[in-house]
Amino acid sequence: MYNYLLGLKASVLRASIWMMSAAVAAQWNRQSNKPRILCISFILFLILNPSFTHDIGFWFSFSAMAVVVFVYPLYIKILSNIPPVKRIAGSPIFGTLVLTISIQLVCGPLILYYFNYLPLISVLSNIFILPFFYMLLLLLMISALFAVIWPPLGGIILKATPPLFKIMSWLAGFFSK
């Protein structure tokens, strides 16, 4: 239903296919095969609606997920074999930084194509915004959970999110200048 409420956006459809595939795999006691799910959903999208080739959300969504599925594990494997990096290679912060930089590198050509410029500072901007984004995401999930149990409590928790939005907006504005 969420897909139809949003108007069948490529990124939401891709995420829905991903989650349905993972749920079916779990139901059948099988491990979901991420590369296969990504490739099948890509082909399915183009068969069902070839006009997705003109949708910027389609290209960014699939490019970012291709990084998560194919490129990021390769970068982590390569970087964890470098002696000075080996000590920190397993940390979540390192993984998040490598993932962010990987997505920026792969999506860079798309940004250049669609927007006619490549903001090189965006990698740095995203790294600075990341901690606030994860705090915001956590608060939103907690708020949604409590809103199901007792809506006023969800609303109270939700009131803590505007400062995070402001910080992220300020950082984005600062780096865009």
N, C-alpha and C. Protein backbone atom coordinates (compact mmCIF):
# COMPACT_ATOMS: atom_id res chain seq x y z
N MET A 1 0.82 -1.19 0.00
CA MET A 1 0.00 0.00 0.00
C MET A 1 0.87 1.25 0.00
N TYR A 2 1.98 1.20 0.72
CA TYR A 2 2.87 2.36 0.82
C TYR A 2 3.36 2.77 -0.57
N ASN A 3 3.65 1.78 -1.41
CA ASN A 3 4.08 2.06 -2.78
C ASN A 3 3.03 2.86 -3.55
N TYR A 4 1.79 2.46 -3.41
CA TYR A 4 0.71 3.14 -4.14
C TYR A 4 0.44 4.53 -3.58
N LEU A 5 0.61 4.70 -2.26
CA LEU A 5 0.43 6.02 -1.66
C LEU A 5 1.48 7.01 -2.17
N LEU A 6 2.70 6.51 -2.40
CA LEU A 6 3.78 7.37 -2.89
C LEU A 6 3.76 7.54 -4.40
N GLY A 7 3.01 6.75 -5.09
CA GLY A 7 2.95 6.88 -6.55
C GLY A 7 3.91 5.97 -7.28
N LEU A 8 4.17 4.79 -6.74
CA LEU A 8 5.04 3.79 -7.37
C LEU A 8 6.41 4.34 -7.75
N LYS A 9 7.12 4.85 -6.77
CA LYS A 9 8.49 5.35 -6.97
C LYS A 9 9.44 4.16 -7.05
N ALA A 10 10.42 4.27 -7.92
CA ALA A 10 11.35 3.16 -8.16
C ALA A 10 12.09 2.72 -6.90
N SER A 11 12.56 3.67 -6.12
CA SER A 11 13.35 3.31 -4.93
C SER A 11 12.50 2.57 -3.91
N VAL A 12 11.24 2.98 -3.74
CA VAL A 12 10.36 2.32 -2.78
C VAL A 12 9.96 0.94 -3.29
N LEU A 13 9.70 0.83 -4.58
CA LEU A 13 9.39 -0.48 -5.16
C LEU A 13 10.56 -1.44 -5.01
N ARG A 14 11.78 -0.95 -5.27
CA ARG A 14 12.95 -1.79 -5.12
C ARG A 14 13.10 -2.27 -3.68
N ALA A 15 12.90 -1.37 -2.73
CA ALA A 15 13.00 -1.74 -1.32
C ALA A 15 11.90 -2.75 -0.94
N SER A 16 10.71 -2.57 -1.50
CA SER A 16 9.61 -3.49 -1.21
C SER A 16 9.89 -4.88 -1.77
N ILE A 17 10.39 -4.93 -2.99
CA ILE A 17 10.75 -6.23 -3.59
C ILE A 17 11.83 -6.90 -2.75
N TRP A 18 12.79 -6.11 -2.30
CA TRP A 18 13.88 -6.62 -1.47
C TRP A 18 13.33 -7.23 -0.18
N MET A 19 12.44 -6.49 0.50
CA MET A 19 11.90 -6.97 1.77
C MET A 19 10.99 -8.19 1.57
N MET A 20 10.18 -8.17 0.51
CA MET A 20 9.32 -9.34 0.24
C MET A 20 10.16 -10.57 -0.07
N SER A 21 11.23 -10.40 -0.82
CA SER A 21 12.11 -11.52 -1.14
C SER A 21 12.78 -12.07 0.11
N ALA A 22 13.22 -11.17 0.98
CA ALA A 22 13.85 -11.60 2.24
C ALA A 22 12.83 -12.34 3.12
N ALA A 23 11.59 -11.84 3.15
CA ALA A 23 10.55 -12.49 3.96
C ALA A 23 10.22 -13.87 3.41
N VAL A 24 10.12 -13.99 2.09
CA VAL A 24 9.83 -15.29 1.48
C VAL A 24 10.99 -16.26 1.74
N ALA A 25 12.21 -15.78 1.60
CA ALA A 25 13.38 -16.64 1.87
C ALA A 25 13.37 -17.12 3.32
N ALA A 26 13.06 -16.22 4.25
CA ALA A 26 13.01 -16.61 5.66
C ALA A 26 11.89 -17.62 5.90
N GLN A 27 10.77 -17.41 5.25
CA GLN A 27 9.63 -18.32 5.39
C GLN A 27 9.98 -19.72 4.87
N TRP A 28 10.78 -19.79 3.83
CA TRP A 28 11.18 -21.07 3.24
C TRP A 28 12.48 -21.60 3.86
N ASN A 29 12.91 -20.97 4.95
CA ASN A 29 14.15 -21.35 5.65
C ASN A 29 15.36 -21.34 4.72
N ARG A 30 15.42 -20.31 3.89
CA ARG A 30 16.55 -20.15 2.98
C ARG A 30 17.17 -18.78 3.23
N GLN A 31 18.46 -18.70 2.99
CA GLN A 31 19.14 -17.41 3.11
C GLN A 31 18.88 -16.62 1.83
N SER A 32 18.55 -15.34 1.98
CA SER A 32 18.28 -14.54 0.78
C SER A 32 19.59 -14.24 0.06
N ASN A 33 19.54 -14.32 -1.24
CA ASN A 33 20.71 -14.08 -2.08
C ASN A 33 20.63 -12.64 -2.60
N LYS A 34 21.38 -11.74 -1.97
CA LYS A 34 21.28 -10.32 -2.29
C LYS A 34 21.60 -9.99 -3.75
N PRO A 35 22.68 -10.51 -4.31
CA PRO A 35 22.94 -10.21 -5.72
C PRO A 35 21.82 -10.67 -6.64
N ARG A 36 21.27 -11.85 -6.36
CA ARG A 36 20.20 -12.38 -7.20
C ARG A 36 18.95 -11.51 -7.08
N ILE A 37 18.60 -11.13 -5.85
CA ILE A 37 17.41 -10.29 -5.65
C ILE A 37 17.57 -8.95 -6.37
N LEU A 38 18.75 -8.37 -6.27
CA LEU A 38 18.98 -7.08 -6.92
C LEU A 38 18.87 -7.20 -8.44
N CYS A 39 19.50 -8.22 -8.99
CA CYS A 39 19.47 -8.42 -10.45
C CYS A 39 18.06 -8.75 -10.95
N ILE A 40 17.35 -9.61 -10.23
CA ILE A 40 16.00 -9.98 -10.65
C ILE A 40 15.08 -8.77 -10.57
N SER A 41 15.19 -7.99 -9.50
CA SER A 41 14.32 -6.82 -9.38
C SER A 41 14.66 -5.79 -10.46
N PHE A 42 15.93 -5.63 -10.80
CA PHE A 42 16.33 -4.72 -11.87
C PHE A 42 15.69 -5.13 -13.20
N ILE A 43 15.80 -6.41 -13.54
CA ILE A 43 15.24 -6.93 -14.78
C ILE A 43 13.71 -6.83 -14.76
N LEU A 44 13.10 -7.18 -13.62
CA LEU A 44 11.65 -7.12 -13.48
C LEU A 44 11.14 -5.68 -13.68
N PHE A 45 11.83 -4.72 -13.11
CA PHE A 45 11.46 -3.32 -13.28
C PHE A 45 11.44 -2.94 -14.75
N LEU A 46 12.49 -3.30 -15.46
CA LEU A 46 12.59 -2.90 -16.86
C LEU A 46 11.62 -3.66 -17.76
N ILE A 47 11.27 -4.88 -17.39
CA ILE A 47 10.27 -5.61 -18.17
C ILE A 47 8.89 -5.01 -17.94
N LEU A 48 8.55 -4.74 -16.68
CA LEU A 48 7.22 -4.21 -16.35
C LEU A 48 7.02 -2.76 -16.75
N ASN A 49 8.10 -1.97 -16.68
CA ASN A 49 7.97 -0.56 -17.01
C ASN A 49 9.30 -0.03 -17.58
N PRO A 50 9.51 -0.17 -18.87
CA PRO A 50 10.77 0.27 -19.48
C PRO A 50 11.04 1.77 -19.30
N SER A 51 10.01 2.55 -18.97
CA SER A 51 10.23 3.99 -18.79
C SER A 51 11.04 4.30 -17.53
N PHE A 52 11.26 3.29 -16.69
CA PHE A 52 12.12 3.50 -15.53
C PHE A 52 13.54 3.90 -15.94
N THR A 53 13.91 3.60 -17.17
CA THR A 53 15.25 3.98 -17.62
C THR A 53 15.42 5.50 -17.64
N HIS A 54 14.31 6.25 -17.60
CA HIS A 54 14.36 7.71 -17.58
C HIS A 54 14.14 8.27 -16.18
N ASP A 55 14.07 7.39 -15.18
CA ASP A 55 13.77 7.80 -13.80
C ASP A 55 15.06 7.90 -12.99
N ILE A 56 15.36 9.09 -12.52
CA ILE A 56 16.59 9.32 -11.76
C ILE A 56 16.60 8.49 -10.47
N GLY A 57 15.43 8.34 -9.83
CA GLY A 57 15.33 7.54 -8.61
C GLY A 57 15.68 6.08 -8.85
N PHE A 58 15.29 5.57 -10.00
CA PHE A 58 15.61 4.19 -10.37
C PHE A 58 17.12 4.00 -10.43
N TRP A 59 17.81 4.89 -11.14
CA TRP A 59 19.25 4.76 -11.31
C TRP A 59 20.01 4.96 -10.01
N PHE A 60 19.62 5.95 -9.21
CA PHE A 60 20.31 6.17 -7.94
C PHE A 60 20.05 5.03 -6.96
N SER A 61 18.82 4.54 -6.92
CA SER A 61 18.48 3.46 -6.00
C SER A 61 19.24 2.18 -6.34
N PHE A 62 19.21 1.80 -7.60
CA PHE A 62 19.90 0.57 -7.99
C PHE A 62 21.42 0.72 -7.93
N SER A 63 21.92 1.90 -8.23
CA SER A 63 23.38 2.12 -8.14
C SER A 63 23.85 2.02 -6.70
N ALA A 64 23.12 2.66 -5.80
CA ALA A 64 23.50 2.61 -4.38
C ALA A 64 23.43 1.18 -3.86
N MET A 65 22.38 0.45 -4.24
CA MET A 65 22.28 -0.94 -3.78
C MET A 65 23.33 -1.84 -4.43
N ALA A 66 23.71 -1.54 -5.65
CA ALA A 66 24.78 -2.31 -6.29
C ALA A 66 26.09 -2.12 -5.52
N VAL A 67 26.29 -0.91 -5.01
CA VAL A 67 27.47 -0.65 -4.17
C VAL A 67 27.40 -1.51 -2.91
N VAL A 68 26.24 -1.50 -2.26
CA VAL A 68 26.08 -2.26 -1.01
C VAL A 68 26.30 -3.75 -1.26
N VAL A 69 25.81 -4.26 -2.37
CA VAL A 69 25.87 -5.70 -2.63
C VAL A 69 27.21 -6.14 -3.23
N PHE A 70 27.73 -5.37 -4.17
CA PHE A 70 28.92 -5.82 -4.91
C PHE A 70 30.21 -5.08 -4.54
N VAL A 71 30.17 -3.77 -4.49
CA VAL A 71 31.40 -2.97 -4.36
C VAL A 71 31.89 -2.89 -2.91
N TYR A 72 31.00 -2.58 -1.99
CA TYR A 72 31.39 -2.41 -0.59
C TYR A 72 32.10 -3.63 -0.01
N PRO A 73 31.57 -4.86 -0.19
CA PRO A 73 32.30 -6.02 0.34
C PRO A 73 33.70 -6.16 -0.26
N LEU A 74 33.84 -5.80 -1.52
CA LEU A 74 35.15 -5.86 -2.18
C LEU A 74 36.10 -4.84 -1.56
N TYR A 75 35.63 -3.61 -1.36
CA TYR A 75 36.47 -2.58 -0.73
C TYR A 75 36.89 -2.98 0.68
N ILE A 76 35.96 -3.52 1.45
CA ILE A 76 36.27 -3.94 2.82
C ILE A 76 37.32 -5.05 2.81
N LYS A 77 37.17 -5.98 1.88
CA LYS A 77 38.13 -7.09 1.78
C LYS A 77 39.52 -6.56 1.43
N ILE A 78 39.58 -5.64 0.48
CA ILE A 78 40.87 -5.08 0.07
C ILE A 78 41.48 -4.25 1.20
N LEU A 79 40.67 -3.38 1.80
CA LEU A 79 41.18 -2.50 2.85
C LEU A 79 41.60 -3.25 4.10
N SER A 80 40.90 -4.37 4.43
CA SER A 80 41.29 -5.11 5.63
C SER A 80 42.58 -5.88 5.47
N ASN A 81 43.13 -5.92 4.27
CA ASN A 81 44.43 -6.55 4.06
C ASN A 81 45.59 -5.56 4.14
N ILE A 82 45.27 -4.29 4.29
CA ILE A 82 46.31 -3.26 4.42
C ILE A 82 46.66 -3.16 5.90
N PRO A 83 47.93 -3.43 6.26
CA PRO A 83 48.32 -3.50 7.67
C PRO A 83 47.87 -2.33 8.56
N PRO A 84 48.06 -1.05 8.19
CA PRO A 84 47.62 0.00 9.11
C PRO A 84 46.09 0.08 9.27
N VAL A 85 45.36 -0.38 8.29
CA VAL A 85 43.90 -0.30 8.32
C VAL A 85 43.30 -1.53 9.00
N LYS A 86 44.04 -2.61 9.06
CA LYS A 86 43.55 -3.89 9.56
C LYS A 86 42.93 -3.78 10.95
N ARG A 87 43.54 -2.94 11.83
CA ARG A 87 43.05 -2.81 13.21
C ARG A 87 41.64 -2.23 13.29
N ILE A 88 41.32 -1.30 12.40
CA ILE A 88 40.02 -0.63 12.47
C ILE A 88 39.01 -1.15 11.44
N ALA A 89 39.43 -2.08 10.60
CA ALA A 89 38.58 -2.55 9.49
C ALA A 89 37.27 -3.17 9.95
N GLY A 90 37.22 -3.72 11.14
CA GLY A 90 35.99 -4.36 11.61
C GLY A 90 35.04 -3.43 12.34
N SER A 91 35.43 -2.20 12.58
CA SER A 91 34.58 -1.30 13.35
C SER A 91 33.41 -0.78 12.52
N PRO A 92 32.27 -0.56 13.17
CA PRO A 92 31.10 -0.05 12.44
C PRO A 92 31.33 1.34 11.84
N ILE A 93 32.09 2.16 12.52
CA ILE A 93 32.36 3.51 12.00
C ILE A 93 33.17 3.42 10.71
N PHE A 94 34.16 2.57 10.69
CA PHE A 94 34.97 2.39 9.48
C PHE A 94 34.10 1.86 8.35
N GLY A 95 33.27 0.87 8.66
CA GLY A 95 32.39 0.30 7.64
C GLY A 95 31.43 1.33 7.07
N THR A 96 30.89 2.17 7.93
CA THR A 96 29.97 3.22 7.49
C THR A 96 30.69 4.23 6.60
N LEU A 97 31.91 4.60 6.99
CA LEU A 97 32.69 5.54 6.18
C LEU A 97 33.02 4.96 4.81
N VAL A 98 33.44 3.71 4.79
CA VAL A 98 33.77 3.06 3.52
C VAL A 98 32.53 2.95 2.64
N LEU A 99 31.40 2.60 3.26
CA LEU A 99 30.15 2.50 2.50
C LEU A 99 29.74 3.86 1.92
N THR A 100 29.83 4.90 2.74
CA THR A 100 29.46 6.24 2.28
C THR A 100 30.34 6.68 1.12
N ILE A 101 31.63 6.49 1.26
CA ILE A 101 32.56 6.88 0.21
C ILE A 101 32.34 6.03 -1.05
N SER A 102 32.07 4.74 -0.86
CA SER A 102 31.83 3.85 -2.00
C SER A 102 30.60 4.29 -2.79
N ILE A 103 29.53 4.61 -2.09
CA ILE A 103 28.31 5.05 -2.77
C ILE A 103 28.57 6.36 -3.50
N GLN A 104 29.30 7.28 -2.87
CA GLN A 104 29.61 8.56 -3.51
C GLN A 104 30.42 8.34 -4.79
N LEU A 105 31.38 7.43 -4.73
CA LEU A 105 32.22 7.18 -5.91
C LEU A 105 31.42 6.59 -7.06
N VAL A 106 30.55 5.65 -6.74
CA VAL A 106 29.77 5.00 -7.79
C VAL A 106 28.66 5.91 -8.31
N CYS A 107 28.04 6.67 -7.42
CA CYS A 107 26.95 7.56 -7.85
C CYS A 107 27.47 8.87 -8.43
N GLY A 108 28.76 9.14 -8.30
CA GLY A 108 29.34 10.36 -8.84
C GLY A 108 29.05 10.58 -10.32
N PRO A 109 29.25 9.59 -11.17
CA PRO A 109 28.93 9.78 -12.58
C PRO A 109 27.45 10.09 -12.83
N LEU A 110 26.57 9.47 -12.05
CA LEU A 110 25.14 9.78 -12.18
C LEU A 110 24.85 11.22 -11.77
N ILE A 111 25.47 11.66 -10.69
CA ILE A 111 25.30 13.05 -10.24
C ILE A 111 25.79 13.99 -11.33
N LEU A 112 26.92 13.68 -11.89
CA LEU A 112 27.48 14.50 -12.96
C LEU A 112 26.56 14.54 -14.17
N TYR A 113 26.01 13.39 -14.53
CA TYR A 113 25.13 13.30 -15.70
C TYR A 113 23.83 14.08 -15.48
N TYR A 114 23.18 13.85 -14.33
CA TYR A 114 21.86 14.45 -14.10
C TYR A 114 21.93 15.92 -13.67
N PHE A 115 23.01 16.32 -12.98
CA PHE A 115 23.06 17.68 -12.45
C PHE A 115 24.15 18.54 -13.08
N ASN A 116 24.91 17.96 -14.00
CA ASN A 116 25.96 18.67 -14.75
C ASN A 116 27.10 19.22 -13.90
N TYR A 117 27.24 18.77 -12.70
CA TYR A 117 28.40 19.10 -11.88
C TYR A 117 28.57 18.03 -10.82
N LEU A 118 29.76 17.93 -10.30
CA LEU A 118 30.06 16.93 -9.28
C LEU A 118 30.60 17.63 -8.04
N PRO A 119 29.77 17.77 -7.02
CA PRO A 119 30.23 18.44 -5.80
C PRO A 119 31.18 17.52 -5.02
N LEU A 120 32.46 17.76 -5.14
CA LEU A 120 33.45 16.89 -4.50
C LEU A 120 33.37 16.96 -2.98
N ILE A 121 32.84 18.03 -2.46
CA ILE A 121 32.72 18.19 -1.02
C ILE A 121 31.58 17.35 -0.44
N SER A 122 30.72 16.80 -1.32
CA SER A 122 29.56 16.04 -0.83
C SER A 122 29.97 14.81 -0.02
N VAL A 123 31.11 14.22 -0.34
CA VAL A 123 31.59 13.07 0.45
C VAL A 123 31.83 13.51 1.88
N LEU A 124 32.52 14.63 2.05
CA LEU A 124 32.80 15.16 3.38
C LEU A 124 31.50 15.56 4.08
N SER A 125 30.61 16.19 3.35
CA SER A 125 29.31 16.61 3.89
C SER A 125 28.54 15.40 4.42
N ASN A 126 28.50 14.35 3.62
CA ASN A 126 27.77 13.14 4.04
C ASN A 126 28.39 12.50 5.28
N ILE A 127 29.70 12.54 5.37
CA ILE A 127 30.37 11.96 6.54
C ILE A 127 30.02 12.75 7.80
N PHE A 128 29.96 14.07 7.71
CA PHE A 128 29.61 14.89 8.86
C PHE A 128 28.13 14.75 9.24
N ILE A 129 27.28 14.56 8.25
CA ILE A 129 25.84 14.46 8.49
C ILE A 129 25.45 13.08 9.03
N LEU A 130 26.24 12.06 8.71
CA LEU A 130 25.89 10.68 9.06
C LEU A 130 25.52 10.45 10.53
N PRO A 131 26.31 10.92 11.51
CA PRO A 131 25.91 10.64 12.91
C PRO A 131 24.54 11.22 13.26
N PHE A 132 24.25 12.40 12.75
CA PHE A 132 22.97 13.03 13.04
C PHE A 132 21.84 12.28 12.35
N PHE A 133 22.13 11.78 11.15
CA PHE A 133 21.13 11.01 10.42
C PHE A 133 20.77 9.74 11.17
N TYR A 134 21.78 9.04 11.71
CA TYR A 134 21.50 7.80 12.44
C TYR A 134 20.76 8.08 13.74
N MET A 135 21.08 9.20 14.42
CA MET A 135 20.33 9.56 15.62
C MET A 135 18.87 9.86 15.26
N LEU A 136 18.69 10.59 14.15
CA LEU A 136 17.34 10.92 13.69
C LEU A 136 16.57 9.65 13.33
N LEU A 137 17.20 8.76 12.61
CA LEU A 137 16.56 7.51 12.22
C LEU A 137 16.15 6.71 13.45
N LEU A 138 17.02 6.64 14.45
CA LEU A 138 16.71 5.92 15.68
C LEU A 138 15.51 6.55 16.38
N LEU A 139 15.51 7.88 16.50
CA LEU A 139 14.38 8.56 17.15
C LEU A 139 13.07 8.34 16.38
N LEU A 140 13.14 8.38 15.06
CA LEU A 140 11.94 8.16 14.26
C LEU A 140 11.40 6.74 14.43
N MET A 141 12.30 5.76 14.49
CA MET A 141 11.85 4.38 14.68
C MET A 141 11.25 4.19 16.07
N ILE A 142 11.91 4.76 17.09
CA ILE A 142 11.38 4.66 18.45
C ILE A 142 10.02 5.36 18.53
N SER A 143 9.92 6.52 17.92
CA SER A 143 8.66 7.26 17.92
C SER A 143 7.56 6.45 17.24
N ALA A 144 7.86 5.83 16.11
CA ALA A 144 6.87 5.02 15.40
C ALA A 144 6.43 3.82 16.25
N LEU A 145 7.39 3.20 16.92
CA LEU A 145 7.07 2.06 17.77
C LEU A 145 6.15 2.48 18.91
N PHE A 146 6.51 3.57 19.60
CA PHE A 146 5.68 4.03 20.71
C PHE A 146 4.35 4.59 20.24
N ALA A 147 4.29 5.13 19.03
CA ALA A 147 3.02 5.66 18.50
C ALA A 147 2.02 4.54 18.30
N VAL A 148 2.51 3.34 17.99
CA VAL A 148 1.61 2.19 17.85
C VAL A 148 1.05 1.79 19.21
N ILE A 149 1.90 1.87 20.24
CA ILE A 149 1.49 1.47 21.59
C ILE A 149 0.65 2.56 22.25
N TRP A 150 1.16 3.80 22.22
CA TRP A 150 0.45 4.93 22.82
C TRP A 150 0.83 6.19 22.04
N PRO A 151 -0.02 6.63 21.12
CA PRO A 151 0.31 7.74 20.22
C PRO A 151 0.87 9.00 20.87
N PRO A 152 0.35 9.45 22.04
CA PRO A 152 0.94 10.67 22.63
C PRO A 152 2.43 10.53 22.96
N LEU A 153 2.84 9.34 23.39
CA LEU A 153 4.26 9.12 23.70
C LEU A 153 5.09 9.17 22.42
N GLY A 154 4.57 8.61 21.35
CA GLY A 154 5.25 8.70 20.06
C GLY A 154 5.42 10.14 19.63
N GLY A 155 4.38 10.95 19.86
CA GLY A 155 4.44 12.37 19.52
C GLY A 155 5.46 13.13 20.35
N ILE A 156 5.57 12.77 21.63
CA ILE A 156 6.56 13.43 22.50
C ILE A 156 7.97 13.12 22.01
N ILE A 157 8.24 11.88 21.67
CA ILE A 157 9.57 11.50 21.17
C ILE A 157 9.83 12.18 19.83
N LEU A 158 8.80 12.29 19.01
CA LEU A 158 8.94 12.92 17.71
C LEU A 158 9.35 14.40 17.83
N LYS A 159 8.97 15.04 18.93
CA LYS A 159 9.32 16.45 19.14
C LYS A 159 10.82 16.66 19.34
N ALA A 160 11.55 15.58 19.58
CA ALA A 160 13.01 15.69 19.75
C ALA A 160 13.75 15.70 18.41
N THR A 161 13.04 15.48 17.31
CA THR A 161 13.71 15.36 16.01
C THR A 161 14.01 16.68 15.29
N PRO A 162 13.24 17.76 15.46
CA PRO A 162 13.55 18.98 14.71
C PRO A 162 14.98 19.51 14.86
N PRO A 163 15.59 19.45 16.05
CA PRO A 163 16.98 19.93 16.12
C PRO A 163 17.93 19.13 15.23
N LEU A 164 17.69 17.84 15.10
CA LEU A 164 18.54 17.02 14.23
C LEU A 164 18.35 17.41 12.77
N PHE A 165 17.10 17.64 12.37
CA PHE A 165 16.83 18.12 11.01
C PHE A 165 17.55 19.45 10.76
N LYS A 166 17.49 20.34 11.75
CA LYS A 166 18.13 21.66 11.60
C LYS A 166 19.64 21.53 11.48
N ILE A 167 20.23 20.67 12.29
CA ILE A 167 21.68 20.47 12.23
C ILE A 167 22.08 19.91 10.87
N MET A 168 21.33 18.90 10.40
CA MET A 168 21.65 18.31 9.10
C MET A 168 21.47 19.33 7.98
N SER A 169 20.41 20.11 8.07
CA SER A 169 20.17 21.14 7.06
C SER A 169 21.27 22.19 7.08
N TRP A 170 21.69 22.59 8.29
CA TRP A 170 22.77 23.58 8.40
C TRP A 170 24.07 23.04 7.83
N LEU A 171 24.39 21.78 8.16
CA LEU A 171 25.61 21.17 7.63
C LEU A 171 25.58 21.08 6.11
N ALA A 172 24.44 20.68 5.56
CA ALA A 172 24.32 20.60 4.10
C ALA A 172 24.49 21.97 3.48
N GLY A 173 23.88 22.99 4.09
CA GLY A 173 24.03 24.36 3.59
C GLY A 173 25.46 24.85 3.71
N PHE A 174 26.09 24.55 4.83
CA PHE A 174 27.47 24.97 5.06
C PHE A 174 28.40 24.38 3.99
N PHE A 175 28.25 23.08 3.76
CA PHE A 175 29.14 22.42 2.80
C PHE A 175 28.79 22.79 1.35
N SER A 176 27.54 23.14 1.10
CA SER A 176 27.20 23.52 -0.27
C SER A 176 27.77 24.88 -0.65
N LYS A 177 28.06 25.69 0.36
CA LYS A 177 28.68 27.00 0.08
C LYS A 177 30.13 26.83 -0.23
